[in-house]
């Protein structure tokens, strides 16, 4: 269940998850949850966490975000628009440049 999506779009997502080989039941909601959790991490925390190897028990937020783009391309125009609106709320929280480094150096 993804908050902000209509019943029609949720039904369309369920159908896609049943019919596409790269999806599984609940794939879209898992991906939204993984991305939403990642963008809300305290500034400076990234995945995988510094000093640790990859965490195979946790979903990769970058793969999750990429999967959501694939899902949006497979949805109808209306469904894709709804999903992208939900994702835009999470995307605006993502700030790849920590505040102390803005405007400094060549990056």
Protein backbone atom coordinates (compact mmCIF):
# COMPACT_ATOMS: atom_id res chain seq x y z
CA UNK A 1 0.00 0.00 0.00
CA UNK A 2 1.41 3.34 -1.05
CA UNK A 3 -0.17 6.44 0.46
CA UNK A 4 -1.25 9.03 -2.09
CA UNK A 5 -2.21 6.61 -4.88
CA UNK A 6 -5.77 6.06 -6.06
CA UNK A 7 -7.44 2.67 -5.90
CA UNK A 8 -7.15 2.40 -9.69
CA UNK A 9 -3.39 2.98 -9.64
CA UNK A 10 -2.96 0.52 -6.76
CA UNK A 11 -4.87 -2.08 -8.79
CA UNK A 12 -2.69 -1.33 -11.81
CA UNK A 13 0.44 -1.76 -9.67
CA UNK A 14 -0.85 -5.09 -8.36
CA UNK A 15 -1.45 -6.26 -11.92
CA UNK A 16 2.06 -5.19 -12.98
CA UNK A 17 3.58 -6.98 -10.00
CA UNK A 18 1.82 -10.18 -11.05
CA UNK A 19 2.65 -9.98 -14.75
CA UNK A 20 6.19 -8.53 -14.98
CA UNK A 21 9.11 -10.89 -14.45
CA UNK A 22 11.25 -8.22 -12.77
CA UNK A 23 8.59 -7.53 -10.10
CA UNK A 24 7.07 -9.49 -7.24
CA UNK A 25 4.00 -8.88 -5.05
CA UNK A 26 4.66 -5.77 -2.96
CA UNK A 27 7.73 -4.69 -4.98
CA UNK A 28 6.52 -1.13 -5.50
CA UNK A 29 5.63 -0.50 -1.87
CA UNK A 30 8.95 -2.02 -0.71
CA UNK A 31 10.84 0.22 -3.11
CA UNK A 32 8.96 3.35 -2.02
CA UNK A 33 9.60 2.46 1.62
CA UNK A 34 13.34 1.88 1.02
CA UNK A 35 13.73 5.19 -0.84
CA UNK A 36 11.66 7.14 1.71
CA UNK A 37 13.74 5.75 4.60
CA UNK A 38 16.99 6.56 2.80
CA UNK A 39 16.17 10.19 2.06
CA UNK A 40 15.23 10.71 5.71
CA UNK A 41 18.57 9.50 7.06
CA UNK A 42 20.55 12.14 8.96
CA UNK A 43 22.79 14.24 6.74
CA UNK A 44 26.09 12.53 6.03
CA UNK A 45 24.76 8.99 6.35
CA UNK A 46 24.77 7.09 3.12
CA UNK A 47 24.12 3.54 2.00
CA UNK A 48 26.08 1.40 2.55
CA UNK A 49 27.05 2.97 5.82
CA UNK A 50 30.63 4.28 5.94
CA UNK A 51 33.10 1.77 7.26
CA UNK A 52 30.86 -1.19 6.53
CA UNK A 53 30.49 -3.46 3.56
CA UNK A 54 27.26 -3.79 1.63
CA UNK A 55 24.27 -4.65 3.75
CA UNK A 56 22.58 -7.58 2.05
CA UNK A 57 19.71 -7.64 4.54
CA UNK A 58 18.60 -4.11 3.60
CA UNK A 59 17.31 -3.04 0.19
CA UNK A 60 19.63 -0.82 -1.84
CA UNK A 61 17.87 2.57 -2.02
CA UNK A 62 19.43 3.39 -5.40
CA UNK A 63 18.19 0.13 -6.91
CA UNK A 64 14.80 0.81 -5.34
CA UNK A 65 14.62 4.28 -6.90
CA UNK A 66 15.63 2.87 -10.29
CA UNK A 67 12.97 0.17 -9.99
CA UNK A 68 10.37 2.85 -9.26
CA UNK A 69 11.35 4.64 -12.47
CA UNK A 70 10.87 1.37 -14.39
CA UNK A 71 7.49 0.87 -12.76
CA UNK A 72 6.42 4.43 -13.61
CA UNK A 73 7.32 3.82 -17.26
CA UNK A 74 5.17 0.67 -17.28
CA UNK A 75 2.13 2.36 -15.73
CA UNK A 76 -0.59 4.25 -17.58
CA UNK A 77 -0.13 8.01 -17.87
CA UNK A 78 -2.45 8.65 -14.95
CA UNK A 79 -0.85 5.99 -12.77
CA UNK A 80 2.66 7.17 -13.62
CA UNK A 81 1.71 10.76 -12.81
CA UNK A 82 0.36 9.70 -9.40
CA UNK A 83 3.44 7.61 -8.60
CA UNK A 84 5.81 10.38 -9.70
CA UNK A 85 3.93 12.88 -7.51
CA UNK A 86 4.44 10.58 -4.50
CA UNK A 87 8.11 10.12 -5.39
CA UNK A 88 8.62 13.86 -5.85
CA UNK A 89 7.71 14.35 -2.20
CA UNK A 90 10.52 11.99 -1.21
CA UNK A 91 12.95 13.18 -3.88
CA UNK A 92 12.81 16.76 -2.64
CA UNK A 93 14.19 15.55 0.71
CA UNK A 94 17.25 14.07 -0.97
CA UNK A 95 20.15 16.48 -0.89
CA UNK A 96 23.38 14.84 -2.08
CA UNK A 97 25.59 17.77 -1.03
CA UNK A 98 25.98 18.31 2.72
CA UNK A 99 25.43 21.96 3.66
CA UNK A 100 28.98 22.75 4.88
CA UNK A 101 30.39 21.90 1.43
CA UNK A 102 28.01 23.88 -0.76
CA UNK A 103 29.72 26.38 -2.99
CA UNK A 104 33.20 25.30 -1.96
CA UNK A 105 35.70 23.64 -4.28
CA UNK A 106 35.28 22.35 -7.80
CA UNK A 107 32.50 19.91 -6.95
